[in-house]
């Protein structure tokens, strides 16, 4: 490589910011034709430096808590003028009296274009006017008694009932629905590990592919595990799918059924087999019925025959009766009688 080229590469590029930028070919052509002057071209290229304005103190946010009242039980055709005239007219003899200038805002929510929702919000300049307006409660306007109270008071509002975590009773089993087919037991264990100690995960799978059917049961050590999962909003979504969480049925907490109660027990003292009270009562009733059937007399009917009342429970089964019935012979029967011939 020649030395002159090396020197040219090593030479630093100097930029003078004070000098004006050279004209472009278009600007030189316009200047040559006299369509634009040099001052106009330079003024267009001039860089305007924004002047920093002195920082001013930020304005403190105004107090959003407004002074006013809430008026309820209004007629649906009540207008803004009706409310203002009602407050001014009824408070003339009160101290302090409410004038039209003391009312800063009248907000009447509407249900339709010509029908209001039945309540309104009125703002005043001072708290004294609010107390005057509250004193006018139970006064009539358009044939209805008004309910007036402080707009910032929420007394008398019914408390919102807390919704139960699940429609099923609490248990240590958590049902998880709306799972993705790609869900695995390892993913479920990692997802619900922080809720409590997991004993077992029972996930329904397809026989052919082995993938998840879309639901599973997670057995925790205690009831706190499913409860924490139902309260935690971070576990309600898995693989971009919202999960359905409910308390599952704990089979270990099932009550003893009626059939188990009817089974015979063994006495602790004697060691003899004892039947439950319900089964013994049935045997006594059956014995009484059999004795009554034996001692019952036959009734004589008008045609001279005797009839007996049979117990349906003592009737012989049809299969047994057919099995004991006499069988006919399969041999050829000899003909008996006269043979008639026709000429």
C-alpha atoms as a PDB file:
ATOM      1  CA  UNK A   1       0.000   0.000   0.000  1.00  0.00           C
ATOM      2  CA  UNK A   2       1.507   3.386  -0.935  1.00  0.00           C
ATOM      3  CA  UNK A   3       2.471   5.749   1.845  1.00  0.00           C
ATOM      4  CA  UNK A   4       0.293   8.570   0.462  1.00  0.00           C
ATOM      5  CA  UNK A   5      -2.838   6.426   0.834  1.00  0.00           C
ATOM      6  CA  UNK A   6      -1.906   5.514   4.396  1.00  0.00           C
ATOM      7  CA  UNK A   7      -1.429   9.137   5.229  1.00  0.00           C
ATOM      8  CA  UNK A   8      -4.806   9.997   3.706  1.00  0.00           C
ATOM      9  CA  UNK A   9      -6.526   7.365   5.834  1.00  0.00           C
ATOM     10  CA  UNK A  10      -4.823   8.504   9.005  1.00  0.00           C
ATOM     11  CA  UNK A  11      -5.698  12.106   8.373  1.00  0.00           C
ATOM     12  CA  UNK A  12      -8.480  13.221  10.728  1.00  0.00           C
ATOM     13  CA  UNK A  13     -11.674  14.680   9.357  1.00  0.00           C
ATOM     14  CA  UNK A  14     -12.224  18.212  10.587  1.00  0.00           C
ATOM     15  CA  UNK A  15     -15.749  19.721  10.647  1.00  0.00           C
ATOM     16  CA  UNK A  16     -16.164  23.432  11.217  1.00  0.00           C
ATOM     17  CA  UNK A  17     -19.511  24.158  12.769  1.00  0.00           C
ATOM     18  CA  UNK A  18     -19.191  27.939  12.436  1.00  0.00           C
ATOM     19  CA  UNK A  19     -19.104  27.914   8.668  1.00  0.00           C
ATOM     20  CA  UNK A  20     -22.274  27.821   6.629  1.00  0.00           C
ATOM     21  CA  UNK A  21     -23.338  24.678   4.827  1.00  0.00           C
ATOM     22  CA  UNK A  22     -22.542  24.628   1.104  1.00  0.00           C
ATOM     23  CA  UNK A  23     -25.358  25.059  -1.389  1.00  0.00           C
ATOM     24  CA  UNK A  24     -26.882  22.090  -3.101  1.00  0.00           C
ATOM     25  CA  UNK A  25     -27.128  21.813  -6.896  1.00  0.00           C
ATOM     26  CA  UNK A  26     -30.805  22.799  -6.803  1.00  0.00           C
ATOM     27  CA  UNK A  27     -30.133  25.821  -4.594  1.00  0.00           C
ATOM     28  CA  UNK A  28     -27.174  26.909  -6.786  1.00  0.00           C
ATOM     29  CA  UNK A  29     -29.370  26.658  -9.889  1.00  0.00           C
ATOM     30  CA  UNK A  30     -32.141  28.756  -8.291  1.00  0.00           C
ATOM     31  CA  UNK A  31     -29.575  31.327  -7.144  1.00  0.00           C
ATOM     32  CA  UNK A  32     -28.050  31.493 -10.632  1.00  0.00           C
ATOM     33  CA  UNK A  33     -31.459  32.048 -12.255  1.00  0.00           C
ATOM     34  CA  UNK A  34     -32.236  34.761  -9.702  1.00  0.00           C
ATOM     35  CA  UNK A  35     -35.371  33.064  -8.363  1.00  0.00           C
ATOM     36  CA  UNK A  36     -34.036  33.059  -4.797  1.00  0.00           C
ATOM     37  CA  UNK A  37     -31.489  35.146  -2.927  1.00  0.00           C
ATOM     38  CA  UNK A  38     -28.668  33.853  -0.742  1.00  0.00           C
ATOM     39  CA  UNK A  39     -30.361  35.252   2.364  1.00  0.00           C
ATOM     40  CA  UNK A  40     -33.571  33.329   1.676  1.00  0.00           C
ATOM     41  CA  UNK A  41     -31.658  30.081   1.176  1.00  0.00           C
ATOM     42  CA  UNK A  42     -29.605  30.546   4.359  1.00  0.00           C
ATOM     43  CA  UNK A  43     -32.705  31.464   6.375  1.00  0.00           C
ATOM     44  CA  UNK A  44     -34.374  28.262   5.272  1.00  0.00           C
ATOM     45  CA  UNK A  45     -31.366  26.219   6.379  1.00  0.00           C
ATOM     46  CA  UNK A  46     -31.010  27.950   9.729  1.00  0.00           C
ATOM     47  CA  UNK A  47     -31.528  25.651  12.749  1.00  0.00           C
ATOM     48  CA  UNK A  48     -33.899  27.034  15.318  1.00  0.00           C
ATOM     49  CA  UNK A  49     -32.702  26.289  18.831  1.00  0.00           C
ATOM     50  CA  UNK A  50     -35.645  26.009  21.284  1.00  0.00           C
ATOM     51  CA  UNK A  51     -35.376  28.389  24.178  1.00  0.00           C
ATOM     52  CA  UNK A  52     -35.848  26.672  27.530  1.00  0.00           C
ATOM     53  CA  UNK A  53     -38.568  28.278  29.546  1.00  0.00           C
ATOM     54  CA  UNK A  54     -37.998  28.717  33.245  1.00  0.00           C
ATOM     55  CA  UNK A  55     -39.494  25.882  35.257  1.00  0.00           C
ATOM     56  CA  UNK A  56     -42.524  26.866  37.240  1.00  0.00           C
ATOM     57  CA  UNK A  57     -43.835  25.158  40.301  1.00  0.00           C
ATOM     58  CA  UNK A  58     -46.425  22.486  39.542  1.00  0.00           C
ATOM     59  CA  UNK A  59     -49.944  23.406  40.379  1.00  0.00           C
ATOM     60  CA  UNK A  60     -51.322  21.447  43.249  1.00  0.00           C
ATOM     61  CA  UNK A  61     -54.236  19.254  42.201  1.00  0.00           C
ATOM     62  CA  UNK A  62     -57.556  20.660  43.154  1.00  0.00           C
ATOM     63  CA  UNK A  63     -59.542  18.927  45.809  1.00  0.00           C
ATOM     64  CA  UNK A  64     -61.827  16.537  43.932  1.00  0.00           C
ATOM     65  CA  UNK A  65     -64.095  15.996  46.922  1.00  0.00           C
ATOM     66  CA  UNK A  66     -67.107  18.100  46.036  1.00  0.00           C
ATOM     67  CA  UNK A  67     -69.614  19.577  48.440  1.00  0.00           C
ATOM     68  CA  UNK A  68     -73.093  18.479  47.521  1.00  0.00           C
ATOM     69  CA  UNK A  69     -76.157  16.364  48.168  1.00  0.00           C
ATOM     70  CA  UNK A  70     -77.838  13.351  46.603  1.00  0.00           C
ATOM     71  CA  UNK A  71     -81.563  13.643  45.900  1.00  0.00           C
ATOM     72  CA  UNK A  72     -83.539  10.458  45.355  1.00  0.00           C
ATOM     73  CA  UNK A  73     -87.132   9.389  44.646  1.00  0.00           C
ATOM     74  CA  UNK A  74     -87.517  12.003  41.919  1.00  0.00           C
ATOM     75  CA  UNK A  75     -90.329  11.797  39.382  1.00  0.00           C
ATOM     76  CA  UNK A  76     -89.113  10.638  35.963  1.00  0.00           C
ATOM     77  CA  UNK A  77     -90.206  13.898  34.319  1.00  0.00           C
ATOM     78  CA  UNK A  78     -88.373  16.185  36.797  1.00  0.00           C
ATOM     79  CA  UNK A  79     -86.222  18.868  35.161  1.00  0.00           C
ATOM     80  CA  UNK A  80     -83.210  20.907  36.256  1.00  0.00           C
ATOM     81  CA  UNK A  81     -85.355  24.018  36.757  1.00  0.00           C
ATOM     82  CA  UNK A  82     -87.768  22.085  38.992  1.00  0.00           C
ATOM     83  CA  UNK A  83     -84.990  21.092  41.390  1.00  0.00           C
ATOM     84  CA  UNK A  84     -83.433  24.570  41.546  1.00  0.00           C
ATOM     85  CA  UNK A  85     -86.761  26.283  42.150  1.00  0.00           C
ATOM     86  CA  UNK A  86     -87.648  23.693  44.822  1.00  0.00           C
ATOM     87  CA  UNK A  87     -84.415  24.331  46.772  1.00  0.00           C
ATOM     88  CA  UNK A  88     -84.667  28.117  46.484  1.00  0.00           C
ATOM     89  CA  UNK A  89     -88.389  28.296  47.369  1.00  0.00           C
ATOM     90  CA  UNK A  90     -88.307  25.889  50.319  1.00  0.00           C
ATOM     91  CA  UNK A  91     -85.188  27.423  51.920  1.00  0.00           C
ATOM     92  CA  UNK A  92     -86.292  31.085  51.903  1.00  0.00           C
ATOM     93  CA  UNK A  93     -87.094  31.071  55.616  1.00  0.00           C
ATOM     94  CA  UNK A  94     -84.064  28.968  56.582  1.00  0.00           C
ATOM     95  CA  UNK A  95     -80.574  30.088  57.545  1.00  0.00           C
ATOM     96  CA  UNK A  96     -78.548  30.165  55.365  1.00  0.00           C
ATOM     97  CA  UNK A  97     -81.002  30.332  52.489  1.00  0.00           C
ATOM     98  CA  UNK A  98     -80.105  28.709  49.164  1.00  0.00           C
ATOM     99  CA  UNK A  99     -79.970  30.954  46.126  1.00  0.00           C
ATOM    100  CA  UNK A 100     -79.467  30.057  42.489  1.00  0.00           C
ATOM    101  CA  UNK A 101     -75.887  31.389  42.649  1.00  0.00           C
ATOM    102  CA  UNK A 102     -75.054  29.023  45.542  1.00  0.00           C
ATOM    103  CA  UNK A 103     -75.668  25.978  43.293  1.00  0.00           C
ATOM    104  CA  UNK A 104     -72.521  25.170  41.280  1.00  0.00           C
ATOM    105  CA  UNK A 105     -73.641  22.016  39.491  1.00  0.00           C
ATOM    106  CA  UNK A 106     -76.794  19.982  38.809  1.00  0.00           C
ATOM    107  CA  UNK A 107     -76.222  16.450  37.499  1.00  0.00           C
ATOM    108  CA  UNK A 108     -79.344  14.476  36.553  1.00  0.00           C
ATOM    109  CA  UNK A 109     -78.514  11.060  35.032  1.00  0.00           C
ATOM    110  CA  UNK A 110     -80.951  10.176  32.259  1.00  0.00           C
ATOM    111  CA  UNK A 111     -82.328   6.784  31.309  1.00  0.00           C
ATOM    112  CA  UNK A 112     -83.667   7.946  27.940  1.00  0.00           C
ATOM    113  CA  UNK A 113     -83.850  11.274  26.144  1.00  0.00           C
ATOM    114  CA  UNK A 114     -87.028  12.314  28.008  1.00  0.00           C
ATOM    115  CA  UNK A 115     -86.793  10.198  31.164  1.00  0.00           C
ATOM    116  CA  UNK A 116     -84.394  10.452  34.134  1.00  0.00           C
ATOM    117  CA  UNK A 117     -83.218   7.623  36.392  1.00  0.00           C
ATOM    118  CA  UNK A 118     -84.954   9.051  39.490  1.00  0.00           C
ATOM    119  CA  UNK A 119     -82.022  10.695  41.304  1.00  0.00           C
ATOM    120  CA  UNK A 120     -79.710  13.715  40.962  1.00  0.00           C
ATOM    121  CA  UNK A 121     -76.498  15.235  42.378  1.00  0.00           C
ATOM    122  CA  UNK A 122     -76.469  18.910  43.449  1.00  0.00           C
ATOM    123  CA  UNK A 123     -73.191  20.706  44.343  1.00  0.00           C
ATOM    124  CA  UNK A 124     -73.017  23.832  46.534  1.00  0.00           C
ATOM    125  CA  UNK A 125     -70.388  26.411  47.417  1.00  0.00           C
ATOM    126  CA  UNK A 126     -70.320  25.688  51.159  1.00  0.00           C
ATOM    127  CA  UNK A 127     -71.130  22.955  53.635  1.00  0.00           C
ATOM    128  CA  UNK A 128     -73.770  25.160  55.318  1.00  0.00           C
ATOM    129  CA  UNK A 129     -75.900  25.045  52.167  1.00  0.00           C
ATOM    130  CA  UNK A 130     -75.573  21.259  52.163  1.00  0.00           C
ATOM    131  CA  UNK A 131     -77.037  21.088  55.664  1.00  0.00           C
ATOM    132  CA  UNK A 132     -79.884  23.366  54.587  1.00  0.00           C
ATOM    133  CA  UNK A 133     -80.670  21.096  51.633  1.00  0.00           C
ATOM    134  CA  UNK A 134     -80.589  17.971  53.827  1.00  0.00           C
ATOM    135  CA  UNK A 135     -83.142  19.596  56.150  1.00  0.00           C
ATOM    136  CA  UNK A 136     -85.561  19.735  53.202  1.00  0.00           C
ATOM    137  CA  UNK A 137     -85.724  15.928  53.000  1.00  0.00           C
ATOM    138  CA  UNK A 138     -89.228  14.352  52.943  1.00  0.00           C
ATOM    139  CA  UNK A 139     -90.632  17.452  51.213  1.00  0.00           C
ATOM    140  CA  UNK A 140     -92.818  16.865  48.136  1.00  0.00           C
ATOM    141  CA  UNK A 141     -91.811  17.688  44.567  1.00  0.00           C
ATOM    142  CA  UNK A 142     -94.087  16.737  41.661  1.00  0.00           C
ATOM    143  CA  UNK A 143     -96.170  14.591  44.016  1.00  0.00           C
ATOM    144  CA  UNK A 144     -93.261  12.556  45.440  1.00  0.00           C
ATOM    145  CA  UNK A 145     -91.448  12.813  48.784  1.00  0.00           C
ATOM    146  CA  UNK A 146     -87.738  13.430  48.185  1.00  0.00           C
ATOM    147  CA  UNK A 147     -84.884  11.721  49.986  1.00  0.00           C
ATOM    148  CA  UNK A 148     -81.952  14.132  50.405  1.00  0.00           C
ATOM    149  CA  UNK A 149     -78.642  13.183  51.992  1.00  0.00           C
ATOM    150  CA  UNK A 150     -74.960  14.069  51.795  1.00  0.00           C
ATOM    151  CA  UNK A 151     -73.385  12.953  48.509  1.00  0.00           C
ATOM    152  CA  UNK A 152     -70.325  11.626  50.388  1.00  0.00           C
ATOM    153  CA  UNK A 153     -72.390   9.594  52.870  1.00  0.00           C
ATOM    154  CA  UNK A 154     -73.047   5.951  51.988  1.00  0.00           C
ATOM    155  CA  UNK A 155     -74.995   4.978  55.123  1.00  0.00           C
ATOM    156  CA  UNK A 156     -77.921   2.639  54.542  1.00  0.00           C
ATOM    157  CA  UNK A 157     -76.410   1.078  51.441  1.00  0.00           C
ATOM    158  CA  UNK A 158     -76.824  -2.717  51.568  1.00  0.00           C
ATOM    159  CA  UNK A 159     -73.560  -4.563  51.981  1.00  0.00           C
ATOM    160  CA  UNK A 160     -72.514  -6.748  49.117  1.00  0.00           C
ATOM    161  CA  UNK A 161     -72.663 -10.396  50.122  1.00  0.00           C
ATOM    162  CA  UNK A 162     -69.402 -12.255  49.723  1.00  0.00           C
ATOM    163  CA  UNK A 163     -69.622 -14.919  47.058  1.00  0.00           C
ATOM    164  CA  UNK A 164     -68.445 -18.385  48.127  1.00  0.00           C
ATOM    165  CA  UNK A 165     -65.185 -19.647  46.667  1.00  0.00           C
ATOM    166  CA  UNK A 166     -66.902 -22.742  45.287  1.00  0.00           C
ATOM    167  CA  UNK A 167     -70.391 -24.167  45.023  1.00  0.00           C
ATOM    168  CA  UNK A 168     -69.143 -27.452  46.513  1.00  0.00           C
ATOM    169  CA  UNK A 169     -68.342 -27.941  50.207  1.00  0.00           C
ATOM    170  CA  UNK A 170     -64.684 -27.455  51.213  1.00  0.00           C
ATOM    171  CA  UNK A 171     -62.421 -30.472  50.892  1.00  0.00           C
ATOM    172  CA  UNK A 172     -58.737 -31.275  50.415  1.00  0.00           C
ATOM    173  CA  UNK A 173     -59.337 -32.156  46.723  1.00  0.00           C
ATOM    174  CA  UNK A 174     -59.142 -29.495  44.012  1.00  0.00           C
ATOM    175  CA  UNK A 175     -60.929 -29.962  40.679  1.00  0.00           C
ATOM    176  CA  UNK A 176     -59.234 -28.230  37.746  1.00  0.00           C
ATOM    177  CA  UNK A 177     -61.166 -27.943  34.462  1.00  0.00           C
ATOM    178  CA  UNK A 178     -60.674 -26.441  30.988  1.00  0.00           C
ATOM    179  CA  UNK A 179     -57.104 -27.712  30.757  1.00  0.00           C
ATOM    180  CA  UNK A 180     -55.181 -27.845  27.521  1.00  0.00           C
ATOM    181  CA  UNK A 181     -54.545 -31.249  25.916  1.00  0.00           C
ATOM    182  CA  UNK A 182     -50.808 -30.566  26.236  1.00  0.00           C
ATOM    183  CA  UNK A 183     -50.981 -30.309  30.034  1.00  0.00           C
ATOM    184  CA  UNK A 184     -48.747 -32.696  32.008  1.00  0.00           C
ATOM    185  CA  UNK A 185     -48.604 -33.692  35.667  1.00  0.00           C
ATOM    186  CA  UNK A 186     -45.202 -32.002  36.048  1.00  0.00           C
ATOM    187  CA  UNK A 187     -46.659 -28.730  34.762  1.00  0.00           C
ATOM    188  CA  UNK A 188     -49.614 -28.959  37.158  1.00  0.00           C
ATOM    189  CA  UNK A 189     -47.365 -29.711  40.104  1.00  0.00           C
ATOM    190  CA  UNK A 190     -45.175 -26.717  39.309  1.00  0.00           C
ATOM    191  CA  UNK A 191     -48.233 -24.497  38.820  1.00  0.00           C
ATOM    192  CA  UNK A 192     -49.934 -25.355  42.152  1.00  0.00           C
ATOM    193  CA  UNK A 193     -46.871 -26.111  44.272  1.00  0.00           C
ATOM    194  CA  UNK A 194     -46.989 -22.838  46.206  1.00  0.00           C
ATOM    195  CA  UNK A 195     -50.621 -23.400  47.290  1.00  0.00           C
ATOM    196  CA  UNK A 196     -49.833 -26.357  49.568  1.00  0.00           C
ATOM    197  CA  UNK A 197     -48.316 -29.811  49.834  1.00  0.00           C
ATOM    198  CA  UNK A 198     -49.550 -31.980  46.950  1.00  0.00           C
ATOM    199  CA  UNK A 199     -50.122 -35.650  47.735  1.00  0.00           C
ATOM    200  CA  UNK A 200     -51.328 -36.891  44.348  1.00  0.00           C
ATOM    201  CA  UNK A 201     -52.414 -35.648  40.916  1.00  0.00           C
ATOM    202  CA  UNK A 202     -55.146 -37.629  39.146  1.00  0.00           C
ATOM    203  CA  UNK A 203     -55.313 -36.471  35.536  1.00  0.00           C
ATOM    204  CA  UNK A 204     -57.778 -37.986  33.055  1.00  0.00           C
ATOM    205  CA  UNK A 205     -55.998 -39.024  29.825  1.00  0.00           C
ATOM    206  CA  UNK A 206     -56.943 -40.535  26.453  1.00  0.00           C
ATOM    207  CA  UNK A 207     -56.149 -44.245  26.017  1.00  0.00           C
ATOM    208  CA  UNK A 208     -54.636 -43.929  22.553  1.00  0.00           C
ATOM    209  CA  UNK A 209     -52.538 -40.746  22.832  1.00  0.00           C
ATOM    210  CA  UNK A 210     -52.087 -40.454  26.606  1.00  0.00           C
ATOM    211  CA  UNK A 211     -52.836 -36.725  26.488  1.00  0.00           C
ATOM    212  CA  UNK A 212     -54.927 -34.838  29.030  1.00  0.00           C
ATOM    213  CA  UNK A 213     -58.704 -34.973  28.586  1.00  0.00           C
ATOM    214  CA  UNK A 214     -59.120 -31.447  29.898  1.00  0.00           C
ATOM    215  CA  UNK A 215     -59.590 -31.942  33.649  1.00  0.00           C
ATOM    216  CA  UNK A 216     -57.849 -33.383  36.701  1.00  0.00           C
ATOM    217  CA  UNK A 217     -58.091 -33.771  40.481  1.00  0.00           C
ATOM    218  CA  UNK A 218     -55.292 -32.581  42.759  1.00  0.00           C
ATOM    219  CA  UNK A 219     -55.175 -34.113  46.260  1.00  0.00           C
ATOM    220  CA  UNK A 220     -53.599 -31.837  48.864  1.00  0.00           C
ATOM    221  CA  UNK A 221     -52.545 -32.761  52.370  1.00  0.00           C
ATOM    222  CA  UNK A 222     -55.170 -30.499  53.973  1.00  0.00           C
ATOM    223  CA  UNK A 223     -58.026 -28.144  53.071  1.00  0.00           C
ATOM    224  CA  UNK A 224     -55.759 -25.082  53.069  1.00  0.00           C
ATOM    225  CA  UNK A 225     -54.213 -26.128  49.731  1.00  0.00           C
ATOM    226  CA  UNK A 226     -57.417 -25.934  47.592  1.00  0.00           C
ATOM    227  CA  UNK A 227     -58.545 -22.840  49.515  1.00  0.00           C
ATOM    228  CA  UNK A 228     -55.293 -21.016  48.708  1.00  0.00           C
ATOM    229  CA  UNK A 229     -55.619 -22.035  45.056  1.00  0.00           C
ATOM    230  CA  UNK A 230     -59.189 -20.680  44.834  1.00  0.00           C
ATOM    231  CA  UNK A 231     -58.138 -17.376  46.405  1.00  0.00           C
ATOM    232  CA  UNK A 232     -54.995 -16.954  44.274  1.00  0.00           C
ATOM    233  CA  UNK A 233     -55.713 -15.181  40.972  1.00  0.00           C
ATOM    234  CA  UNK A 234     -52.320 -16.095  39.488  1.00  0.00           C
ATOM    235  CA  UNK A 235     -53.237 -19.787  39.122  1.00  0.00           C
ATOM    236  CA  UNK A 236     -56.458 -19.196  37.208  1.00  0.00           C
ATOM    237  CA  UNK A 237     -54.711 -19.342  33.853  1.00  0.00           C
ATOM    238  CA  UNK A 238     -52.472 -22.061  32.377  1.00  0.00           C
ATOM    239  CA  UNK A 239     -51.147 -22.325  28.795  1.00  0.00           C
ATOM    240  CA  UNK A 240     -53.231 -19.279  27.791  1.00  0.00           C
ATOM    241  CA  UNK A 241     -56.476 -20.939  28.972  1.00  0.00           C
ATOM    242  CA  UNK A 242     -58.673 -19.769  31.881  1.00  0.00           C
ATOM    243  CA  UNK A 243     -59.038 -22.589  34.407  1.00  0.00           C
ATOM    244  CA  UNK A 244     -62.183 -23.685  36.199  1.00  0.00           C
ATOM    245  CA  UNK A 245     -61.382 -24.354  39.860  1.00  0.00           C
ATOM    246  CA  UNK A 246     -63.770 -26.048  42.292  1.00  0.00           C
ATOM    247  CA  UNK A 247     -63.629 -28.104  45.457  1.00  0.00           C
ATOM    248  CA  UNK A 248     -63.625 -31.801  44.558  1.00  0.00           C
ATOM    249  CA  UNK A 249     -65.232 -34.731  46.382  1.00  0.00           C
ATOM    250  CA  UNK A 250     -63.064 -36.297  49.060  1.00  0.00           C
ATOM    251  CA  UNK A 251     -63.857 -40.015  48.985  1.00  0.00           C
ATOM    252  CA  UNK A 252     -62.062 -40.654  52.259  1.00  0.00           C
ATOM    253  CA  UNK A 253     -64.562 -38.391  54.046  1.00  0.00           C
ATOM    254  CA  UNK A 254     -67.665 -40.214  52.809  1.00  0.00           C
ATOM    255  CA  UNK A 255     -70.289 -41.211  55.404  1.00  0.00           C
ATOM    256  CA  UNK A 256     -71.273 -44.819  56.003  1.00  0.00           C
ATOM    257  CA  UNK A 257     -74.186 -45.792  53.749  1.00  0.00           C
ATOM    258  CA  UNK A 258     -77.424 -47.550  54.647  1.00  0.00           C
ATOM    259  CA  UNK A 259     -76.266 -50.901  53.287  1.00  0.00           C
ATOM    260  CA  UNK A 260     -73.235 -50.908  55.527  1.00  0.00           C
ATOM    261  CA  UNK A 261     -75.455 -50.123  58.518  1.00  0.00           C
ATOM    262  CA  UNK A 262     -77.657 -53.155  57.752  1.00  0.00           C
ATOM    263  CA  UNK A 263     -74.761 -55.617  57.802  1.00  0.00           C
ATOM    264  CA  UNK A 264     -74.678 -58.057  60.763  1.00  0.00           C
ATOM    265  CA  UNK A 265     -72.252 -57.240  63.560  1.00  0.00           C
ATOM    266  CA  UNK A 266     -70.478 -59.365  66.139  1.00  0.00           C
ATOM    267  CA  UNK A 267     -71.109 -58.642  69.812  1.00  0.00           C
ATOM    268  CA  UNK A 268     -67.971 -57.699  71.736  1.00  0.00           C
ATOM    269  CA  UNK A 269     -68.951 -59.552  74.944  1.00  0.00           C
ATOM    270  CA  UNK A 270     -70.426 -62.825  73.652  1.00  0.00           C
ATOM    271  CA  UNK A 271     -68.876 -62.962  70.191  1.00  0.00           C
ATOM    272  CA  UNK A 272     -72.242 -64.056  68.743  1.00  0.00           C
ATOM    273  CA  UNK A 273     -73.483 -62.831  65.388  1.00  0.00           C
ATOM    274  CA  UNK A 274     -76.165 -60.186  65.873  1.00  0.00           C
ATOM    275  CA  UNK A 275     -78.552 -58.890  63.247  1.00  0.00           C
ATOM    276  CA  UNK A 276     -79.373 -55.199  63.060  1.00  0.00           C
ATOM    277  CA  UNK A 277     -82.686 -53.992  64.453  1.00  0.00           C
ATOM    278  CA  UNK A 278     -84.110 -53.211  61.017  1.00  0.00           C
ATOM    279  CA  UNK A 279     -83.527 -56.756  59.750  1.00  0.00           C
ATOM    280  CA  UNK A 280     -85.037 -58.351  62.865  1.00  0.00           C
ATOM    281  CA  UNK A 281     -88.179 -56.232  62.502  1.00  0.00           C
ATOM    282  CA  UNK A 282     -88.658 -57.519  58.943  1.00  0.00           C
ATOM    283  CA  UNK A 283     -88.395 -61.146  60.134  1.00  0.00           C
ATOM    284  CA  UNK A 284     -91.013 -60.607  62.843  1.00  0.00           C
ATOM    285  CA  UNK A 285     -93.478 -59.104  60.362  1.00  0.00           C
ATOM    286  CA  UNK A 286     -92.959 -61.996  57.900  1.00  0.00           C
ATOM    287  CA  UNK A 287     -93.583 -64.584  60.673  1.00  0.00           C
ATOM    288  CA  UNK A 288     -96.812 -62.867  61.737  1.00  0.00           C
ATOM    289  CA  UNK A 289     -98.068 -62.894  58.167  1.00  0.00           C
ATOM    290  CA  UNK A 290     -97.389 -66.610  57.755  1.00  0.00           C
ATOM    291  CA  UNK A 291     -99.222 -67.467  60.988  1.00  0.00           C
ATOM    292  CA  UNK A 292    -102.208 -65.380  59.973  1.00  0.00           C
ATOM    293  CA  UNK A 293    -102.413 -67.154  56.604  1.00  0.00           C
ATOM    294  CA  UNK A 294    -102.490 -70.604  58.270  1.00  0.00           C
ATOM    295  CA  UNK A 295    -105.274 -69.732  60.738  1.00  0.00           C
ATOM    296  CA  UNK A 296    -107.446 -67.952  58.184  1.00  0.00           C
ATOM    297  CA  UNK A 297    -110.725 -69.770  57.497  1.00  0.00           C
ATOM    298  CA  UNK A 298    -112.063 -70.541  54.061  1.00  0.00           C
ATOM    299  CA  UNK A 299    -114.935 -68.427  52.867  1.00  0.00           C
ATOM    300  CA  UNK A 300    -117.904 -70.152  51.270  1.00  0.00           C
ATOM    301  CA  UNK A 301    -119.069 -68.482  48.065  1.00  0.00           C
ATOM    302  CA  UNK A 302    -122.539 -68.517  46.446  1.00  0.00           C
ATOM    303  CA  UNK A 303    -121.647 -71.160  43.852  1.00  0.00           C
ATOM    304  CA  UNK A 304    -120.771 -73.611  46.592  1.00  0.00           C
ATOM    305  CA  UNK A 305    -117.013 -73.504  46.169  1.00  0.00           C
ATOM    306  CA  UNK A 306    -114.425 -72.575  48.722  1.00  0.00           C
ATOM    307  CA  UNK A 307    -111.894 -69.847  48.001  1.00  0.00           C
ATOM    308  CA  UNK A 308    -108.604 -69.262  49.802  1.00  0.00           C
ATOM    309  CA  UNK A 309    -106.614 -66.060  49.984  1.00  0.00           C
ATOM    310  CA  UNK A 310    -103.093 -66.864  48.957  1.00  0.00           C
ATOM    311  CA  UNK A 311    -100.161 -64.704  49.916  1.00  0.00           C
ATOM    312  CA  UNK A 312     -98.360 -63.440  46.761  1.00  0.00           C
ATOM    313  CA  UNK A 313     -95.020 -63.924  48.508  1.00  0.00           C
ATOM    314  CA  UNK A 314     -95.796 -67.695  48.928  1.00  0.00           C
ATOM    315  CA  UNK A 315     -96.710 -68.244  45.272  1.00  0.00           C
ATOM    316  CA  UNK A 316     -94.568 -70.803  43.422  1.00  0.00           C
ATOM    317  CA  UNK A 317     -92.391 -69.397  40.664  1.00  0.00           C
ATOM    318  CA  UNK A 318     -93.465 -70.233  37.098  1.00  0.00           C
ATOM    319  CA  UNK A 319     -90.106 -71.782  36.228  1.00  0.00           C
ATOM    320  CA  UNK A 320     -90.342 -74.186  39.191  1.00  0.00           C
ATOM    321  CA  UNK A 321     -93.940 -75.151  38.332  1.00  0.00           C
ATOM    322  CA  UNK A 322     -93.059 -75.969  34.709  1.00  0.00           C
ATOM    323  CA  UNK A 323     -90.024 -77.999  35.747  1.00  0.00           C
ATOM    324  CA  UNK A 324     -92.171 -80.255  37.987  1.00  0.00           C
ATOM    325  CA  UNK A 325     -95.060 -80.634  35.489  1.00  0.00           C
ATOM    326  CA  UNK A 326     -95.596 -84.158  33.996  1.00  0.00           C
ATOM    327  CA  UNK A 327     -94.175 -84.680  30.525  1.00  0.00           C
ATOM    328  CA  UNK A 328     -96.258 -86.296  27.725  1.00  0.00           C
ATOM    329  CA  UNK A 329     -95.002 -89.328  25.837  1.00  0.00           C
ATOM    330  CA  UNK A 330     -93.475 -88.811  22.401  1.00  0.00           C
ATOM    331  CA  UNK A 331     -94.696 -92.222  21.080  1.00  0.00           C
ATOM    332  CA  UNK A 332     -97.282 -92.625  18.273  1.00  0.00           C
ATOM    333  CA  UNK A 333    -100.809 -92.743  19.657  1.00  0.00           C
ATOM    334  CA  UNK A 334    -103.022 -95.610  18.397  1.00  0.00           C
ATOM    335  CA  UNK A 335    -106.149 -94.437  16.562  1.00  0.00           C
ATOM    336  CA  UNK A 336    -109.403 -95.011  18.379  1.00  0.00           C
ATOM    337  CA  UNK A 337    -112.971 -94.630  17.054  1.00  0.00           C
ATOM    338  CA  UNK A 338    -114.792 -95.259  13.757  1.00  0.00           C
ATOM    339  CA  UNK A 339    -113.481 -94.365  10.355  1.00  0.00           C
ATOM    340  CA  UNK A 340    -116.038 -92.530   8.267  1.00  0.00           C
ATOM    341  CA  UNK A 341    -116.059 -93.003   4.505  1.00  0.00           C
ATOM    342  CA  UNK A 342    -117.873 -90.795   2.003  1.00  0.00           C
ATOM    343  CA  UNK A 343    -119.207 -92.318  -1.205  1.00  0.00           C
END
